[in-house]
Amino acid sequence: MTTYILLLNWTDQGIKTVHDSPKRLDAARKALAAMGGSFKEFYMTMGEYDMVAVCEAPDDAVAAHFVLQIGSTGNIRSRTLKAFPENAYREVVSSLG
């Protein structure tokens, strides 16, 4: 599985219905699970982003589909980062020569 970090902000629509946000998170968890992925961590944050999610998906296409699906609801905007675990980082760096 590949790890993705989602940096999320509520839209105007999303913050107006923030009380429904936990239900939307539950629905997102189910949607990603149906695609073969999972949420590993979820945080509400203070600062530039309102929320951060650490998710796993089988591949980039599944991750893209998931992000587009949750974004299409109009409640959040996202930035997605593909994350490399430490062992992959070490392999990449050691391959530099």
C-alpha atoms as a PDB file:
ATOM      1  CA  MET A   1       0.000   0.000   0.000  1.00  0.00           C
ATOM      2  CA  THR A   2       1.084   3.527  -0.710  1.00  0.00           C
ATOM      3  CA  THR A   3       0.734   6.242   1.922  1.00  0.00           C
ATOM      4  CA  TYR A   4      -0.813   9.619   1.131  1.00  0.00           C
ATOM      5  CA  ILE A   5      -1.045  12.692   3.325  1.00  0.00           C
ATOM      6  CA  LEU A   6      -4.142  14.791   2.695  1.00  0.00           C
ATOM      7  CA  LEU A   7      -4.055  18.444   3.744  1.00  0.00           C
ATOM      8  CA  LEU A   8      -7.665  19.563   3.995  1.00  0.00           C
ATOM      9  CA  ASN A   9      -9.546  22.830   4.352  1.00  0.00           C
ATOM     10  CA  TRP A  10     -13.257  23.362   4.764  1.00  0.00           C
ATOM     11  CA  THR A  11     -14.911  25.354   2.005  1.00  0.00           C
ATOM     12  CA  ASP A  12     -17.511  28.005   2.874  1.00  0.00           C
ATOM     13  CA  GLN A  13     -20.158  25.312   2.378  1.00  0.00           C
ATOM     14  CA  GLY A  14     -18.254  22.838   4.562  1.00  0.00           C
ATOM     15  CA  ILE A  15     -17.792  25.206   7.494  1.00  0.00           C
ATOM     16  CA  LYS A  16     -21.459  26.252   7.388  1.00  0.00           C
ATOM     17  CA  THR A  17     -22.357  22.613   8.022  1.00  0.00           C
ATOM     18  CA  VAL A  18     -19.366  21.759  10.221  1.00  0.00           C
ATOM     19  CA  HIS A  19     -21.629  19.914  12.661  1.00  0.00           C
ATOM     20  CA  ASP A  20     -22.084  17.296   9.910  1.00  0.00           C
ATOM     21  CA  SER A  21     -18.329  16.940   9.425  1.00  0.00           C
ATOM     22  CA  PRO A  22     -17.920  13.810  11.615  1.00  0.00           C
ATOM     23  CA  LYS A  23     -20.595  12.056   9.544  1.00  0.00           C
ATOM     24  CA  ARG A  24     -18.789  13.085   6.367  1.00  0.00           C
ATOM     25  CA  LEU A  25     -15.532  11.697   7.779  1.00  0.00           C
ATOM     26  CA  ASP A  26     -17.259   8.395   8.531  1.00  0.00           C
ATOM     27  CA  ALA A  27     -18.602   8.278   4.968  1.00  0.00           C
ATOM     28  CA  ALA A  28     -15.128   9.055   3.575  1.00  0.00           C
ATOM     29  CA  ARG A  29     -13.625   6.214   5.638  1.00  0.00           C
ATOM     30  CA  LYS A  30     -16.210   3.801   4.217  1.00  0.00           C
ATOM     31  CA  ALA A  31     -15.662   5.045   0.664  1.00  0.00           C
ATOM     32  CA  LEU A  32     -11.901   4.617   0.871  1.00  0.00           C
ATOM     33  CA  ALA A  33     -12.286   1.165   2.450  1.00  0.00           C
ATOM     34  CA  ALA A  34     -14.566   0.140  -0.439  1.00  0.00           C
ATOM     35  CA  MET A  35     -11.712   1.116  -2.797  1.00  0.00           C
ATOM     36  CA  GLY A  36      -9.244  -1.048  -0.888  1.00  0.00           C
ATOM     37  CA  GLY A  37      -7.659   1.732   1.168  1.00  0.00           C
ATOM     38  CA  SER A  38      -7.853   3.005   4.720  1.00  0.00           C
ATOM     39  CA  PHE A  39      -7.403   5.986   7.007  1.00  0.00           C
ATOM     40  CA  LYS A  40      -4.390   5.500   9.275  1.00  0.00           C
ATOM     41  CA  GLU A  41      -4.601   8.828  11.142  1.00  0.00           C
ATOM     42  CA  PHE A  42      -6.892  11.836  11.170  1.00  0.00           C
ATOM     43  CA  TYR A  43      -6.348  15.182  12.888  1.00  0.00           C
ATOM     44  CA  MET A  44      -8.207  18.458  13.146  1.00  0.00           C
ATOM     45  CA  THR A  45      -5.445  21.064  13.066  1.00  0.00           C
ATOM     46  CA  MET A  46      -4.894  24.741  13.705  1.00  0.00           C
ATOM     47  CA  GLY A  47      -2.970  26.801  11.206  1.00  0.00           C
ATOM     48  CA  GLU A  48      -2.917  26.749   7.420  1.00  0.00           C
ATOM     49  CA  TYR A  49      -4.962  23.539   7.192  1.00  0.00           C
ATOM     50  CA  ASP A  50      -8.134  22.586   9.043  1.00  0.00           C
ATOM     51  CA  MET A  51      -7.515  18.837   8.954  1.00  0.00           C
ATOM     52  CA  VAL A  52      -4.786  16.342   8.071  1.00  0.00           C
ATOM     53  CA  ALA A  53      -5.429  12.720   7.121  1.00  0.00           C
ATOM     54  CA  VAL A  54      -2.874   9.969   6.631  1.00  0.00           C
ATOM     55  CA  CYS A  55      -4.342   7.375   4.296  1.00  0.00           C
ATOM     56  CA  GLU A  56      -3.256   4.283   2.438  1.00  0.00           C
ATOM     57  CA  ALA A  57      -4.436   3.265  -1.018  1.00  0.00           C
ATOM     58  CA  PRO A  58      -3.451   0.467  -3.395  1.00  0.00           C
ATOM     59  CA  ASP A  59      -2.140   2.916  -6.014  1.00  0.00           C
ATOM     60  CA  ASP A  60      -2.174   6.496  -7.274  1.00  0.00           C
ATOM     61  CA  ALA A  61      -5.306   5.962  -9.379  1.00  0.00           C
ATOM     62  CA  VAL A  62      -7.309   4.854  -6.336  1.00  0.00           C
ATOM     63  CA  ALA A  63      -5.985   7.773  -4.306  1.00  0.00           C
ATOM     64  CA  ALA A  64      -6.891  10.223  -7.070  1.00  0.00           C
ATOM     65  CA  HIS A  65     -10.369   8.734  -7.420  1.00  0.00           C
ATOM     66  CA  PHE A  66     -10.919   9.021  -3.665  1.00  0.00           C
ATOM     67  CA  VAL A  67      -9.715  12.626  -3.457  1.00  0.00           C
ATOM     68  CA  LEU A  68     -11.857  13.635  -6.425  1.00  0.00           C
ATOM     69  CA  GLN A  69     -14.861  11.881  -4.937  1.00  0.00           C
ATOM     70  CA  ILE A  70     -14.632  13.585  -1.560  1.00  0.00           C
ATOM     71  CA  GLY A  71     -13.780  16.931  -3.157  1.00  0.00           C
ATOM     72  CA  SER A  72     -16.824  16.773  -5.417  1.00  0.00           C
ATOM     73  CA  THR A  73     -19.100  17.120  -2.390  1.00  0.00           C
ATOM     74  CA  GLY A  74     -18.044  20.755  -2.159  1.00  0.00           C
ATOM     75  CA  ASN A  75     -17.263  20.631   1.565  1.00  0.00           C
ATOM     76  CA  ILE A  76     -13.452  20.480   1.428  1.00  0.00           C
ATOM     77  CA  ARG A  77     -10.473  21.407  -0.675  1.00  0.00           C
ATOM     78  CA  SER A  78      -7.433  19.197  -0.526  1.00  0.00           C
ATOM     79  CA  ARG A  79      -3.755  18.921  -1.290  1.00  0.00           C
ATOM     80  CA  THR A  80      -2.419  15.413  -1.557  1.00  0.00           C
ATOM     81  CA  LEU A  81       1.141  14.351  -0.854  1.00  0.00           C
ATOM     82  CA  LYS A  82       2.506  10.939  -1.752  1.00  0.00           C
ATOM     83  CA  ALA A  83       4.575   9.811   1.215  1.00  0.00           C
ATOM     84  CA  PHE A  84       7.651   7.598   1.140  1.00  0.00           C
ATOM     85  CA  PRO A  85       8.394   5.664   4.348  1.00  0.00           C
ATOM     86  CA  GLU A  86      11.866   5.847   5.852  1.00  0.00           C
ATOM     87  CA  ASN A  87      13.121   2.635   4.242  1.00  0.00           C
ATOM     88  CA  ALA A  88      12.084   3.874   0.782  1.00  0.00           C
ATOM     89  CA  TYR A  89      13.685   7.248   1.502  1.00  0.00           C
ATOM     90  CA  ARG A  90      16.940   5.522   2.434  1.00  0.00           C
ATOM     91  CA  GLU A  91      16.847   3.423  -0.757  1.00  0.00           C
ATOM     92  CA  VAL A  92      16.288   6.488  -2.930  1.00  0.00           C
ATOM     93  CA  VAL A  93      19.095   8.427  -1.284  1.00  0.00           C
ATOM     94  CA  SER A  94      21.523   5.492  -1.391  1.00  0.00           C
ATOM     95  CA  SER A  95      20.832   5.002  -5.087  1.00  0.00           C
ATOM     96  CA  LEU A  96      22.272   8.458  -5.790  1.00  0.00           C
ATOM     97  CA  GLY A  97      25.763   7.027  -5.731  1.00  0.00           C
END
